[in-house]
Every structure is written in C-alpha cells, then in structure tokens.
Amino acid sequence: MSDKSGGKQVVSVQMPADLVAAMDRYGEAIERPRSWIMRQAVASYLAYEAEKDRATRRSLADADAGLTISGEAVKAWANSLDQDNPLPLPKPGQ
C-alpha cells in the first residue's frame, strides 16, 4: 500500500477557544493558515524540548565529572562585580 499523503497524517486535538482564536489572529496577520501555525508551533516546541533535554544531560554529565563551581565561589565573584578589581569568573573545581 503506497502513501499518497506525502508522509503527512491528519491529527485532531481539542484546544481552548481563546488559544484557537489567538492562533487564527496570528495566522491572519502573517497570511498563513491555521494548519501552518500549528505545524510550526509543534515543530518549535519539539526542537526546544529536545535542546532542553540535551542541555540537561550535558549538565548532569558535567556534574558527574565534577565540573561544578561552588555556590560560595559564585557568590564571591558576584559580590566583587561592583568593585574596582572584580574577581575573575570562577572555574569548575572552585
């Protein structure tokens, strides 16, 4: 059986009326249909969440490897920023 939809599938979702109205207003403003707005929104959300997941995993790996900066070092650095000779940016292990 061949796919004549070009790899596309119809999906339905219930959404609050005010969100649909906002989506329609935006679509009218940029001259795009609701379906385009929805595709863009879902694609952007998935890309954002994937990057957030990658960043979290990198951060956890850094913490597991001991590449952290103590709260005291960050606080001392931040407190020095309004001085004539602020401390250098803390490095992992401090």
PDB file of N, CA and C in Angstrom:
ATOM      1  N   MET A   1       0.847  -1.176   0.000  1.00  0.00           N
ATOM      2  CA  MET A   1       0.000   0.000   0.000  1.00  0.00           C
ATOM      3  C   MET A   1       0.891   1.237   0.000  1.00  0.00           C
ATOM      4  N   SER A   2       0.698   2.134  -0.936  1.00  0.00           N
ATOM      5  CA  SER A   2       1.538   3.325  -1.035  1.00  0.00           C
ATOM      6  C   SER A   2       0.932   4.465  -0.238  1.00  0.00           C
ATOM      7  N   ASP A   3       1.803   5.358   0.210  1.00  0.00           N
ATOM      8  CA  ASP A   3       1.377   6.513   0.977  1.00  0.00           C
ATOM      9  C   ASP A   3       1.171   7.674   0.017  1.00  0.00           C
ATOM     10  N   LYS A   4      -0.087   8.048  -0.228  1.00  0.00           N
ATOM     11  CA  LYS A   4      -0.397   9.125  -1.168  1.00  0.00           C
ATOM     12  C   LYS A   4      -0.485  10.480  -0.476  1.00  0.00           C
ATOM     13  N   SER A   5      -0.268  10.494   0.844  1.00  0.00           N
ATOM     14  CA  SER A   5      -0.388  11.749   1.571  1.00  0.00           C
ATOM     15  C   SER A   5       0.931  12.493   1.659  1.00  0.00           C
ATOM     16  N   GLY A   6       1.980  11.988   1.033  1.00  0.00           N
ATOM     17  CA  GLY A   6       3.273  12.661   1.108  1.00  0.00           C
ATOM     18  C   GLY A   6       3.884  12.574   2.490  1.00  0.00           C
ATOM     19  N   GLY A   7       3.563  11.509   3.222  1.00  0.00           N
ATOM     20  CA  GLY A   7       4.113  11.359   4.558  1.00  0.00           C
ATOM     21  C   GLY A   7       3.389  12.166   5.612  1.00  0.00           C
ATOM     22  N   LYS A   8       2.254  12.690   5.297  1.00  0.00           N
ATOM     23  CA  LYS A   8       1.501  13.509   6.248  1.00  0.00           C
ATOM     24  C   LYS A   8       0.346  12.705   6.818  1.00  0.00           C
ATOM     25  N   GLN A   9      -0.037  13.045   8.033  1.00  0.00           N
ATOM     26  CA  GLN A   9      -1.186  12.430   8.685  1.00  0.00           C
ATOM     27  C   GLN A   9      -2.051  13.527   9.284  1.00  0.00           C
ATOM     28  N   VAL A  10      -3.329  13.276   9.303  1.00  0.00           N
ATOM     29  CA  VAL A  10      -4.262  14.206   9.924  1.00  0.00           C
ATOM     30  C   VAL A  10      -4.326  13.870  11.405  1.00  0.00           C
ATOM     31  N   VAL A  11      -4.208  14.912  12.231  1.00  0.00           N
ATOM     32  CA  VAL A  11      -4.263  14.764  13.680  1.00  0.00           C
ATOM     33  C   VAL A  11      -5.271  15.779  14.198  1.00  0.00           C
ATOM     34  N   SER A  12      -6.082  15.366  15.145  1.00  0.00           N
ATOM     35  CA  SER A  12      -7.020  16.337  15.724  1.00  0.00           C
ATOM     36  C   SER A  12      -6.715  16.485  17.210  1.00  0.00           C
ATOM     37  N   VAL A  13      -6.970  17.678  17.698  1.00  0.00           N
ATOM     38  CA  VAL A  13      -6.715  17.971  19.103  1.00  0.00           C
ATOM     39  C   VAL A  13      -7.729  19.008  19.571  1.00  0.00           C
ATOM     40  N   GLN A  14      -8.201  18.846  20.783  1.00  0.00           N
ATOM     41  CA  GLN A  14      -9.091  19.847  21.356  1.00  0.00           C
ATOM     42  C   GLN A  14      -8.231  20.904  22.028  1.00  0.00           C
ATOM     43  N   MET A  15      -8.567  22.161  21.766  1.00  0.00           N
ATOM     44  CA  MET A  15      -7.815  23.281  22.320  1.00  0.00           C
ATOM     45  C   MET A  15      -8.791  24.303  22.869  1.00  0.00           C
ATOM     46  N   PRO A  16      -8.355  25.078  23.863  1.00  0.00           N
ATOM     47  CA  PRO A  16      -9.227  26.141  24.365  1.00  0.00           C
ATOM     48  C   PRO A  16      -9.553  27.137  23.243  1.00  0.00           C
ATOM     49  N   ALA A  17     -10.785  27.622  23.241  1.00  0.00           N
ATOM     50  CA  ALA A  17     -11.255  28.526  22.192  1.00  0.00           C
ATOM     51  C   ALA A  17     -10.386  29.776  22.091  1.00  0.00           C
ATOM     52  N   ASP A  18      -9.917  30.297  23.236  1.00  0.00           N
ATOM     53  CA  ASP A  18      -9.102  31.513  23.173  1.00  0.00           C
ATOM     54  C   ASP A  18      -7.748  31.251  22.509  1.00  0.00           C
ATOM     55  N   LEU A  19      -7.209  30.044  22.666  1.00  0.00           N
ATOM     56  CA  LEU A  19      -5.947  29.709  22.007  1.00  0.00           C
ATOM     57  C   LEU A  19      -6.145  29.571  20.495  1.00  0.00           C
ATOM     58  N   VAL A  20      -7.262  28.971  20.096  1.00  0.00           N
ATOM     59  CA  VAL A  20      -7.573  28.857  18.668  1.00  0.00           C
ATOM     60  C   VAL A  20      -7.771  30.248  18.070  1.00  0.00           C
ATOM     61  N   ALA A  21      -8.477  31.114  18.789  1.00  0.00           N
ATOM     62  CA  ALA A  21      -8.701  32.475  18.296  1.00  0.00           C
ATOM     63  C   ALA A  21      -7.384  33.227  18.146  1.00  0.00           C
ATOM     64  N   ALA A  22      -6.492  33.079  19.122  1.00  0.00           N
ATOM     65  CA  ALA A  22      -5.186  33.743  19.040  1.00  0.00           C
ATOM     66  C   ALA A  22      -4.386  33.201  17.863  1.00  0.00           C
ATOM     67  N   MET A  23      -4.455  31.904  17.655  1.00  0.00           N
ATOM     68  CA  MET A  23      -3.762  31.280  16.533  1.00  0.00           C
ATOM     69  C   MET A  23      -4.319  31.808  15.209  1.00  0.00           C
ATOM     70  N   ASP A  24      -5.631  31.919  15.120  1.00  0.00           N
ATOM     71  CA  ASP A  24      -6.260  32.429  13.894  1.00  0.00           C
ATOM     72  C   ASP A  24      -5.897  33.892  13.648  1.00  0.00           C
ATOM     73  N   ARG A  25      -5.881  34.702  14.706  1.00  0.00           N
ATOM     74  CA  ARG A  25      -5.493  36.115  14.552  1.00  0.00           C
ATOM     75  C   ARG A  25      -4.064  36.217  14.043  1.00  0.00           C
ATOM     76  N   TYR A  26      -3.186  35.409  14.606  1.00  0.00           N
ATOM     77  CA  TYR A  26      -1.792  35.436  14.172  1.00  0.00           C
ATOM     78  C   TYR A  26      -1.676  34.967  12.725  1.00  0.00           C
ATOM     79  N   GLY A  27      -2.406  33.913  12.396  1.00  0.00           N
ATOM     80  CA  GLY A  27      -2.395  33.414  11.025  1.00  0.00           C
ATOM     81  C   GLY A  27      -2.856  34.459  10.028  1.00  0.00           C
ATOM     82  N   GLU A  28      -3.892  35.189  10.384  1.00  0.00           N
ATOM     83  CA  GLU A  28      -4.375  36.265   9.510  1.00  0.00           C
ATOM     84  C   GLU A  28      -3.318  37.353   9.363  1.00  0.00           C
ATOM     85  N   ALA A  29      -2.644  37.673  10.457  1.00  0.00           N
ATOM     86  CA  ALA A  29      -1.646  38.743  10.429  1.00  0.00           C
ATOM     87  C   ALA A  29      -0.462  38.390   9.528  1.00  0.00           C
ATOM     88  N   ILE A  30      -0.105  37.114   9.487  1.00  0.00           N
ATOM     89  CA  ILE A  30       1.043  36.730   8.657  1.00  0.00           C
ATOM     90  C   ILE A  30       0.615  35.996   7.383  1.00  0.00           C
ATOM     91  N   GLU A  31      -0.688  35.983   7.161  1.00  0.00           N
ATOM     92  CA  GLU A  31      -1.268  35.374   5.961  1.00  0.00           C
ATOM     93  C   GLU A  31      -0.887  33.898   5.803  1.00  0.00           C
ATOM     94  N   ARG A  32      -1.084  33.160   6.885  1.00  0.00           N
ATOM     95  CA  ARG A  32      -0.833  31.718   6.890  1.00  0.00           C
ATOM     96  C   ARG A  32      -2.051  31.017   7.480  1.00  0.00           C
ATOM     97  N   PRO A  33      -2.338  29.810   7.009  1.00  0.00           N
ATOM     98  CA  PRO A  33      -3.483  29.072   7.544  1.00  0.00           C
ATOM     99  C   PRO A  33      -3.198  28.498   8.936  1.00  0.00           C
ATOM    100  N   ARG A  34      -4.261  28.178   9.628  1.00  0.00           N
ATOM    101  CA  ARG A  34      -4.165  27.599  10.962  1.00  0.00           C
ATOM    102  C   ARG A  34      -3.269  26.367  10.957  1.00  0.00           C
ATOM    103  N   SER A  35      -3.395  25.525   9.943  1.00  0.00           N
ATOM    104  CA  SER A  35      -2.592  24.300   9.906  1.00  0.00           C
ATOM    105  C   SER A  35      -1.100  24.611   9.870  1.00  0.00           C
ATOM    106  N   TRP A  36      -0.707  25.677   9.178  1.00  0.00           N
ATOM    107  CA  TRP A  36       0.705  26.064   9.120  1.00  0.00           C
ATOM    108  C   TRP A  36       1.185  26.519  10.493  1.00  0.00           C
ATOM    109  N   ILE A  37       0.337  27.330  11.166  1.00  0.00           N
ATOM    110  CA  ILE A  37       0.673  27.823  12.507  1.00  0.00           C
ATOM    111  C   ILE A  37       0.859  26.633  13.447  1.00  0.00           C
ATOM    112  N   MET A  38      -0.043  25.675  13.377  1.00  0.00           N
ATOM    113  CA  MET A  38       0.033  24.515  14.267  1.00  0.00           C
ATOM    114  C   MET A  38       1.289  23.685  13.979  1.00  0.00           C
ATOM    115  N   ARG A  39       1.612  23.463  12.711  1.00  0.00           N
ATOM    116  CA  ARG A  39       2.829  22.702  12.377  1.00  0.00           C
ATOM    117  C   ARG A  39       4.069  23.405  12.908  1.00  0.00           C
ATOM    118  N   GLN A  40       4.130  24.728  12.694  1.00  0.00           N
ATOM    119  CA  GLN A  40       5.281  25.491  13.173  1.00  0.00           C
ATOM    120  C   GLN A  40       5.390  25.434  14.694  1.00  0.00           C
ATOM    121  N   ALA A  41       4.252  25.564  15.364  1.00  0.00           N
ATOM    122  CA  ALA A  41       4.255  25.557  16.825  1.00  0.00           C
ATOM    123  C   ALA A  41       4.726  24.215  17.374  1.00  0.00           C
ATOM    124  N   VAL A  42       4.229  23.127  16.806  1.00  0.00           N
ATOM    125  CA  VAL A  42       4.628  21.804  17.283  1.00  0.00           C
ATOM    126  C   VAL A  42       6.099  21.552  16.979  1.00  0.00           C
ATOM    127  N   ALA A  43       6.547  21.919  15.782  1.00  0.00           N
ATOM    128  CA  ALA A  43       7.957  21.721  15.422  1.00  0.00           C
ATOM    129  C   ALA A  43       8.861  22.536  16.349  1.00  0.00           C
ATOM    130  N   SER A  44       8.501  23.779  16.630  1.00  0.00           N
ATOM    131  CA  SER A  44       9.300  24.623  17.521  1.00  0.00           C
ATOM    132  C   SER A  44       9.330  24.058  18.933  1.00  0.00           C
ATOM    133  N   TYR A  45       8.196  23.614  19.413  1.00  0.00           N
ATOM    134  CA  TYR A  45       8.122  23.035  20.754  1.00  0.00           C
ATOM    135  C   TYR A  45       9.007  21.796  20.860  1.00  0.00           C
ATOM    136  N   LEU A  46       8.919  20.916  19.875  1.00  0.00           N
ATOM    137  CA  LEU A  46       9.722  19.695  19.922  1.00  0.00           C
ATOM    138  C   LEU A  46      11.209  19.997  19.850  1.00  0.00           C
ATOM    139  N   ALA A  47      11.608  20.957  19.026  1.00  0.00           N
ATOM    140  CA  ALA A  47      13.020  21.345  18.941  1.00  0.00           C
ATOM    141  C   ALA A  47      13.492  21.943  20.268  1.00  0.00           C
ATOM    142  N   TYR A  48      12.670  22.782  20.871  1.00  0.00           N
ATOM    143  CA  TYR A  48      13.008  23.395  22.156  1.00  0.00           C
ATOM    144  C   TYR A  48      13.171  22.333  23.239  1.00  0.00           C
ATOM    145  N   GLU A  49      12.222  21.423  23.308  1.00  0.00           N
ATOM    146  CA  GLU A  49      12.288  20.374  24.334  1.00  0.00           C
ATOM    147  C   GLU A  49      13.481  19.448  24.116  1.00  0.00           C
ATOM    148  N   ALA A  50      13.804  19.140  22.856  1.00  0.00           N
ATOM    149  CA  ALA A  50      14.959  18.287  22.569  1.00  0.00           C
ATOM    150  C   ALA A  50      16.244  18.981  23.005  1.00  0.00           C
ATOM    151  N   GLU A  51      16.372  20.272  22.734  1.00  0.00           N
ATOM    152  CA  GLU A  51      17.565  21.009  23.155  1.00  0.00           C
ATOM    153  C   GLU A  51      17.639  21.097  24.668  1.00  0.00           C
ATOM    154  N   LYS A  52      16.514  21.321  25.312  1.00  0.00           N
ATOM    155  CA  LYS A  52      16.481  21.377  26.770  1.00  0.00           C
ATOM    156  C   LYS A  52      16.933  20.038  27.363  1.00  0.00           C
ATOM    157  N   ASP A  53      16.483  18.944  26.768  1.00  0.00           N
ATOM    158  CA  ASP A  53      16.885  17.613  27.221  1.00  0.00           C
ATOM    159  C   ASP A  53      18.392  17.413  27.027  1.00  0.00           C
ATOM    160  N   ARG A  54      18.922  17.809  25.849  1.00  0.00           N
ATOM    161  CA  ARG A  54      20.369  17.687  25.603  1.00  0.00           C
ATOM    162  C   ARG A  54      21.163  18.505  26.616  1.00  0.00           C
ATOM    163  N   ALA A  55      20.722  19.735  26.887  1.00  0.00           N
ATOM    164  CA  ALA A  55      21.421  20.593  27.837  1.00  0.00           C
ATOM    165  C   ALA A  55      21.387  20.000  29.242  1.00  0.00           C
ATOM    166  N   THR A  56      20.270  19.438  29.626  1.00  0.00           N
ATOM    167  CA  THR A  56      20.155  18.810  30.944  1.00  0.00           C
ATOM    168  C   THR A  56      21.104  17.621  31.045  1.00  0.00           C
ATOM    169  N   ARG A  57      21.137  16.799  30.004  1.00  0.00           N
ATOM    170  CA  ARG A  57      22.031  15.633  30.025  1.00  0.00           C
ATOM    171  C   ARG A  57      23.498  16.055  30.068  1.00  0.00           C
ATOM    172  N   ARG A  58      23.858  17.119  29.313  1.00  0.00           N
ATOM    173  CA  ARG A  58      25.241  17.621  29.359  1.00  0.00           C
ATOM    174  C   ARG A  58      25.566  18.134  30.757  1.00  0.00           C
ATOM    175  N   SER A  59      24.636  18.865  31.355  1.00  0.00           N
ATOM    176  CA  SER A  59      24.859  19.414  32.689  1.00  0.00           C
ATOM    177  C   SER A  59      25.017  18.303  33.723  1.00  0.00           C
ATOM    178  N   LEU A  60      24.199  17.288  33.626  1.00  0.00           N
ATOM    179  CA  LEU A  60      24.316  16.167  34.562  1.00  0.00           C
ATOM    180  C   LEU A  60      25.644  15.434  34.378  1.00  0.00           C
ATOM    181  N   ALA A  61      26.078  15.271  33.137  1.00  0.00           N
ATOM    182  CA  ALA A  61      27.367  14.629  32.869  1.00  0.00           C
ATOM    183  C   ALA A  61      28.501  15.487  33.433  1.00  0.00           C
ATOM    184  N   ASP A  62      28.415  16.811  33.267  1.00  0.00           N
ATOM    185  CA  ASP A  62      29.433  17.701  33.833  1.00  0.00           C
ATOM    186  C   ASP A  62      29.467  17.579  35.354  1.00  0.00           C
ATOM    187  N   ALA A  63      28.295  17.554  35.975  1.00  0.00           N
ATOM    188  CA  ALA A  63      28.237  17.427  37.431  1.00  0.00           C
ATOM    189  C   ALA A  63      28.820  16.084  37.867  1.00  0.00           C
ATOM    190  N   ASP A  64      28.490  15.019  37.165  1.00  0.00           N
ATOM    191  CA  ASP A  64      29.047  13.697  37.491  1.00  0.00           C
ATOM    192  C   ASP A  64      30.567  13.692  37.356  1.00  0.00           C
ATOM    193  N   ALA A  65      31.094  14.500  36.426  1.00  0.00           N
ATOM    194  CA  ALA A  65      32.540  14.566  36.201  1.00  0.00           C
ATOM    195  C   ALA A  65      33.217  15.560  37.154  1.00  0.00           C
ATOM    196  N   GLY A  66      32.430  16.174  38.027  1.00  0.00           N
ATOM    197  CA  GLY A  66      32.998  17.124  38.983  1.00  0.00           C
ATOM    198  C   GLY A  66      33.248  18.501  38.414  1.00  0.00           C
ATOM    199  N   LEU A  67      32.692  18.792  37.262  1.00  0.00           N
ATOM    200  CA  LEU A  67      32.887  20.098  36.635  1.00  0.00           C
ATOM    201  C   LEU A  67      31.840  21.082  37.142  1.00  0.00           C
ATOM    202  N   THR A  68      31.920  21.392  38.417  1.00  0.00           N
ATOM    203  CA  THR A  68      30.956  22.292  39.046  1.00  0.00           C
ATOM    204  C   THR A  68      31.701  23.461  39.691  1.00  0.00           C
ATOM    205  N   ILE A  69      30.964  24.490  40.013  1.00  0.00           N
ATOM    206  CA  ILE A  69      31.502  25.660  40.706  1.00  0.00           C
ATOM    207  C   ILE A  69      30.693  25.817  41.987  1.00  0.00           C
ATOM    208  N   SER A  70      31.370  25.991  43.096  1.00  0.00           N
ATOM    209  CA  SER A  70      30.665  26.096  44.371  1.00  0.00           C
ATOM    210  C   SER A  70      29.827  27.373  44.426  1.00  0.00           C
ATOM    211  N   GLY A  71      28.778  27.298  45.206  1.00  0.00           N
ATOM    212  CA  GLY A  71      27.941  28.472  45.415  1.00  0.00           C
ATOM    213  C   GLY A  71      28.717  29.609  46.057  1.00  0.00           C
ATOM    214  N   GLU A  72      29.645  29.254  46.946  1.00  0.00           N
ATOM    215  CA  GLU A  72      30.450  30.277  47.613  1.00  0.00           C
ATOM    216  C   GLU A  72      31.320  31.021  46.603  1.00  0.00           C
ATOM    217  N   ALA A  73      31.908  30.290  45.650  1.00  0.00           N
ATOM    218  CA  ALA A  73      32.766  30.930  44.641  1.00  0.00           C
ATOM    219  C   ALA A  73      31.937  31.851  43.751  1.00  0.00           C
ATOM    220  N   VAL A  74      30.750  31.423  43.369  1.00  0.00           N
ATOM    221  CA  VAL A  74      29.879  32.260  42.535  1.00  0.00           C
ATOM    222  C   VAL A  74      29.451  33.501  43.305  1.00  0.00           C
ATOM    223  N   LYS A  75      29.092  33.309  44.574  1.00  0.00           N
ATOM    224  CA  LYS A  75      28.651  34.443  45.388  1.00  0.00           C
ATOM    225  C   LYS A  75      29.779  35.458  45.569  1.00  0.00           C
ATOM    226  N   ALA A  76      30.994  34.986  45.836  1.00  0.00           N
ATOM    227  CA  ALA A  76      32.137  35.890  45.995  1.00  0.00           C
ATOM    228  C   ALA A  76      32.393  36.653  44.696  1.00  0.00           C
ATOM    229  N   TRP A  77      32.322  35.946  43.572  1.00  0.00           N
ATOM    230  CA  TRP A  77      32.521  36.593  42.277  1.00  0.00           C
ATOM    231  C   TRP A  77      31.445  37.656  42.044  1.00  0.00           C
ATOM    232  N   ALA A  78      30.184  37.288  42.259  1.00  0.00           N
ATOM    233  CA  ALA A  78      29.079  38.230  42.034  1.00  0.00           C
ATOM    234  C   ALA A  78      29.205  39.447  42.940  1.00  0.00           C
ATOM    235  N   ASN A  79      29.582  39.235  44.188  1.00  0.00           N
ATOM    236  CA  ASN A  79      29.729  40.356  45.125  1.00  0.00           C
ATOM    237  C   ASN A  79      30.884  41.277  44.745  1.00  0.00           C
ATOM    238  N   SER A  80      31.841  40.764  43.986  1.00  0.00           N
ATOM    239  CA  SER A  80      33.004  41.582  43.609  1.00  0.00           C
ATOM    240  C   SER A  80      32.767  42.419  42.353  1.00  0.00           C
ATOM    241  N   LEU A  81      31.670  42.193  41.662  1.00  0.00           N
ATOM    242  CA  LEU A  81      31.468  42.837  40.366  1.00  0.00           C
ATOM    243  C   LEU A  81      31.345  44.352  40.439  1.00  0.00           C
ATOM    244  N   ASP A  82      30.930  44.886  41.583  1.00  0.00           N
ATOM    245  CA  ASP A  82      30.811  46.344  41.686  1.00  0.00           C
ATOM    246  C   ASP A  82      32.066  46.985  42.291  1.00  0.00           C
ATOM    247  N   GLN A  83      33.132  46.210  42.407  1.00  0.00           N
ATOM    248  CA  GLN A  83      34.389  46.723  42.946  1.00  0.00           C
ATOM    249  C   GLN A  83      35.321  47.147  41.808  1.00  0.00           C
ATOM    250  N   ASP A  84      36.361  47.884  42.165  1.00  0.00           N
ATOM    251  CA  ASP A  84      37.331  48.337  41.163  1.00  0.00           C
ATOM    252  C   ASP A  84      38.063  47.171  40.506  1.00  0.00           C
ATOM    253  N   ASN A  85      38.351  46.128  41.264  1.00  0.00           N
ATOM    254  CA  ASN A  85      39.056  44.944  40.745  1.00  0.00           C
ATOM    255  C   ASN A  85      38.230  43.696  41.025  1.00  0.00           C
ATOM    256  N   PRO A  86      37.216  43.450  40.201  1.00  0.00           N
ATOM    257  CA  PRO A  86      36.390  42.262  40.450  1.00  0.00           C
ATOM    258  C   PRO A  86      37.190  40.975  40.285  1.00  0.00           C
ATOM    259  N   LEU A  87      36.726  39.962  40.980  1.00  0.00           N
ATOM    260  CA  LEU A  87      37.349  38.642  40.876  1.00  0.00           C
ATOM    261  C   LEU A  87      37.147  38.088  39.469  1.00  0.00           C
ATOM    262  N   PRO A  88      38.058  37.239  39.006  1.00  0.00           N
ATOM    263  CA  PRO A  88      37.828  36.590  37.710  1.00  0.00           C
ATOM    264  C   PRO A  88      36.662  35.604  37.818  1.00  0.00           C
ATOM    265  N   LEU A  89      36.065  35.336  36.683  1.00  0.00           N
ATOM    266  CA  LEU A  89      34.978  34.374  36.632  1.00  0.00           C
ATOM    267  C   LEU A  89      35.437  33.040  37.213  1.00  0.00           C
ATOM    268  N   PRO A  90      34.684  32.465  38.155  1.00  0.00           N
ATOM    269  CA  PRO A  90      35.124  31.200  38.746  1.00  0.00           C
ATOM    270  C   PRO A  90      35.176  30.073  37.713  1.00  0.00           C
ATOM    271  N   LYS A  91      36.046  29.127  37.973  1.00  0.00           N
ATOM    272  CA  LYS A  91      36.210  27.977  37.080  1.00  0.00           C
ATOM    273  C   LYS A  91      35.762  26.717  37.818  1.00  0.00           C
ATOM    274  N   PRO A  92      35.359  25.692  37.075  1.00  0.00           N
ATOM    275  CA  PRO A  92      34.976  24.432  37.727  1.00  0.00           C
ATOM    276  C   PRO A  92      36.079  23.940  38.673  1.00  0.00           C
ATOM    277  N   GLY A  93      35.627  23.433  39.814  1.00  0.00           N
ATOM    278  CA  GLY A  93      36.559  22.934  40.821  1.00  0.00           C
ATOM    279  C   GLY A  93      36.804  23.932  41.924  1.00  0.00           C
ATOM    280  N   GLN A  94      36.284  25.149  41.807  1.00  0.00           N
ATOM    281  CA  GLN A  94      36.490  26.166  42.837  1.00  0.00           C
ATOM    282  C   GLN A  94      35.341  26.163  43.817  1.00  0.00           C
TER     283      GLN A  94
END
